[in-house]
């Protein structure tokens, strides 16, 4: 179980590192826009990404 969690964490780090490596200017602009969001908007983005992740986990496992 713990090795699976570590593998998932490693994969997350690889995927998160792709955008700043491939397109650093677009990555920077995305974060510039996110800074302007209100707390409610950021929570909605976080909730949406968690729900999409859970749905994908249920579909592919």
N, C-alpha and C. Protein backbone atom coordinates (compact mmCIF):
# COMPACT_ATOMS: atom_id res chain seq x y z
N UNK A 1 0.82 -1.20 0.00
CA UNK A 1 0.00 0.00 0.00
C UNK A 1 0.86 1.26 0.00
N UNK A 2 1.88 1.31 0.85
CA UNK A 2 2.70 2.52 0.93
C UNK A 2 3.52 2.71 -0.35
N UNK A 3 3.92 1.62 -1.00
CA UNK A 3 4.67 1.78 -2.25
C UNK A 3 3.76 2.34 -3.35
N UNK A 4 2.48 1.99 -3.33
CA UNK A 4 1.53 2.53 -4.30
C UNK A 4 1.34 4.03 -4.09
N UNK A 5 1.26 4.44 -2.84
CA UNK A 5 1.11 5.86 -2.54
C UNK A 5 2.35 6.62 -2.97
N UNK A 6 3.52 6.06 -2.74
CA UNK A 6 4.76 6.71 -3.17
C UNK A 6 4.86 6.80 -4.69
N UNK A 7 4.42 5.76 -5.38
CA UNK A 7 4.40 5.80 -6.84
C UNK A 7 3.43 6.85 -7.35
N UNK A 8 2.26 6.96 -6.73
CA UNK A 8 1.28 7.98 -7.12
C UNK A 8 1.84 9.37 -6.88
N UNK A 9 2.52 9.56 -5.76
CA UNK A 9 3.13 10.85 -5.46
C UNK A 9 4.22 11.19 -6.47
N UNK A 10 5.04 10.20 -6.82
CA UNK A 10 6.09 10.42 -7.81
C UNK A 10 5.49 10.78 -9.18
N UNK A 11 4.44 10.11 -9.58
CA UNK A 11 3.79 10.41 -10.85
C UNK A 11 3.19 11.81 -10.82
N UNK A 12 2.61 12.20 -9.69
CA UNK A 12 2.06 13.54 -9.56
C UNK A 12 3.17 14.59 -9.75
N UNK A 13 4.33 14.37 -9.15
CA UNK A 13 5.43 15.31 -9.28
C UNK A 13 5.92 15.41 -10.73
N UNK A 14 5.97 14.28 -11.42
CA UNK A 14 6.38 14.29 -12.83
C UNK A 14 5.38 15.09 -13.66
N UNK A 15 4.09 14.81 -13.47
CA UNK A 15 3.06 15.51 -14.23
C UNK A 15 3.03 17.01 -13.90
N UNK A 16 3.21 17.35 -12.63
CA UNK A 16 3.20 18.76 -12.24
C UNK A 16 4.42 19.49 -12.79
N UNK A 17 5.51 18.79 -13.00
CA UNK A 17 6.72 19.41 -13.51
C UNK A 17 6.74 19.59 -15.02
N UNK A 18 5.83 18.93 -15.73
CA UNK A 18 5.82 19.03 -17.18
C UNK A 18 5.53 20.44 -17.68
N UNK A 19 4.52 21.08 -17.13
CA UNK A 19 4.11 22.41 -17.60
C UNK A 19 5.22 23.45 -17.44
N UNK A 20 5.82 23.59 -16.25
CA UNK A 20 6.89 24.59 -16.15
C UNK A 20 8.12 24.24 -17.00
N UNK A 21 8.33 22.96 -17.27
CA UNK A 21 9.47 22.57 -18.11
C UNK A 21 9.22 22.86 -19.57
N UNK A 22 8.00 22.52 -20.05
CA UNK A 22 7.69 22.65 -21.47
C UNK A 22 7.32 24.08 -21.85
N UNK A 23 6.51 24.74 -21.01
CA UNK A 23 6.02 26.08 -21.34
C UNK A 23 6.07 26.97 -20.09
N UNK A 24 7.25 27.43 -19.71
CA UNK A 24 7.35 28.21 -18.47
C UNK A 24 6.57 29.52 -18.51
N UNK A 25 6.51 30.17 -19.66
CA UNK A 25 5.78 31.45 -19.74
C UNK A 25 4.28 31.23 -19.54
N UNK A 26 3.73 30.20 -20.14
CA UNK A 26 2.30 29.89 -19.98
C UNK A 26 2.01 29.49 -18.54
N UNK A 27 2.92 28.73 -17.94
CA UNK A 27 2.76 28.31 -16.54
C UNK A 27 2.74 29.53 -15.63
N UNK A 28 3.66 30.46 -15.84
CA UNK A 28 3.73 31.68 -15.04
C UNK A 28 2.46 32.53 -15.21
N UNK A 29 1.98 32.64 -16.45
CA UNK A 29 0.76 33.42 -16.72
C UNK A 29 -0.46 32.78 -16.05
N UNK A 30 -0.52 31.47 -16.05
CA UNK A 30 -1.61 30.76 -15.39
C UNK A 30 -1.64 31.10 -13.90
N UNK A 31 -0.48 31.09 -13.26
CA UNK A 31 -0.44 31.41 -11.84
C UNK A 31 -0.71 32.89 -11.59
N UNK A 32 -0.34 33.74 -12.51
CA UNK A 32 -0.67 35.16 -12.38
C UNK A 32 -2.19 35.34 -12.36
N UNK A 33 -2.89 34.59 -13.21
CA UNK A 33 -4.35 34.67 -13.25
C UNK A 33 -4.97 34.06 -11.99
N UNK A 34 -4.41 32.96 -11.50
CA UNK A 34 -4.95 32.32 -10.30
C UNK A 34 -4.85 33.21 -9.08
N UNK A 35 -3.81 34.04 -9.01
CA UNK A 35 -3.64 34.94 -7.88
C UNK A 35 -4.80 35.91 -7.79
N UNK A 36 -5.40 36.25 -8.92
CA UNK A 36 -6.49 37.21 -8.95
C UNK A 36 -7.84 36.60 -8.58
N UNK A 37 -7.93 35.27 -8.45
CA UNK A 37 -9.18 34.62 -8.09
C UNK A 37 -9.52 34.90 -6.63
N UNK A 38 -10.81 34.91 -6.32
CA UNK A 38 -11.24 35.02 -4.93
C UNK A 38 -11.08 33.64 -4.26
N UNK A 39 -11.22 33.63 -2.94
CA UNK A 39 -11.11 32.36 -2.21
C UNK A 39 -12.15 31.35 -2.68
N UNK A 40 -13.37 31.82 -2.92
CA UNK A 40 -14.43 30.93 -3.37
C UNK A 40 -14.12 30.32 -4.73
N UNK A 41 -13.56 31.12 -5.63
CA UNK A 41 -13.21 30.60 -6.95
C UNK A 41 -12.09 29.57 -6.84
N UNK A 42 -11.11 29.84 -5.99
CA UNK A 42 -10.02 28.87 -5.80
C UNK A 42 -10.53 27.57 -5.20
N UNK A 43 -11.45 27.69 -4.25
CA UNK A 43 -12.03 26.48 -3.66
C UNK A 43 -12.79 25.67 -4.71
N UNK A 44 -13.50 26.37 -5.59
CA UNK A 44 -14.23 25.68 -6.66
C UNK A 44 -13.27 24.96 -7.59
N UNK A 45 -12.17 25.59 -7.96
CA UNK A 45 -11.16 24.96 -8.81
C UNK A 45 -10.59 23.72 -8.11
N UNK A 46 -10.28 23.86 -6.81
CA UNK A 46 -9.75 22.72 -6.05
C UNK A 46 -10.75 21.59 -5.95
N UNK A 47 -12.00 21.91 -5.66
CA UNK A 47 -13.05 20.88 -5.56
C UNK A 47 -13.25 20.18 -6.90
N UNK A 48 -13.28 20.96 -7.97
CA UNK A 48 -13.47 20.38 -9.30
C UNK A 48 -12.33 19.43 -9.66
N UNK A 49 -11.10 19.84 -9.37
CA UNK A 49 -9.97 18.95 -9.71
C UNK A 49 -9.98 17.69 -8.85
N UNK A 50 -10.39 17.81 -7.57
CA UNK A 50 -10.48 16.61 -6.74
C UNK A 50 -11.56 15.67 -7.25
N UNK A 51 -12.72 16.21 -7.63
CA UNK A 51 -13.80 15.36 -8.14
C UNK A 51 -13.41 14.67 -9.45
N UNK A 52 -12.75 15.39 -10.33
CA UNK A 52 -12.28 14.79 -11.59
C UNK A 52 -11.28 13.68 -11.28
N UNK A 53 -10.38 13.94 -10.34
CA UNK A 53 -9.41 12.91 -9.95
C UNK A 53 -10.07 11.68 -9.37
N UNK A 54 -11.07 11.88 -8.51
CA UNK A 54 -11.79 10.74 -7.94
C UNK A 54 -12.53 9.94 -9.01
N UNK A 55 -13.15 10.64 -9.94
CA UNK A 55 -13.87 9.96 -11.02
C UNK A 55 -12.89 9.15 -11.87
N UNK A 56 -11.76 9.74 -12.20
CA UNK A 56 -10.75 9.01 -12.97
C UNK A 56 -10.23 7.79 -12.22
N UNK A 57 -10.03 7.93 -10.91
CA UNK A 57 -9.60 6.78 -10.11
C UNK A 57 -10.64 5.67 -10.14
N UNK A 58 -11.91 6.04 -10.04
CA UNK A 58 -12.96 5.03 -10.05
C UNK A 58 -13.07 4.36 -11.42
N UNK A 59 -12.87 5.12 -12.48
CA UNK A 59 -12.98 4.57 -13.84
C UNK A 59 -11.83 3.63 -14.17
N UNK A 60 -10.64 3.97 -13.75
CA UNK A 60 -9.46 3.23 -14.19
C UNK A 60 -8.91 2.25 -13.16
N UNK A 61 -9.58 2.09 -12.02
CA UNK A 61 -9.08 1.10 -11.06
C UNK A 61 -10.08 -0.01 -10.84
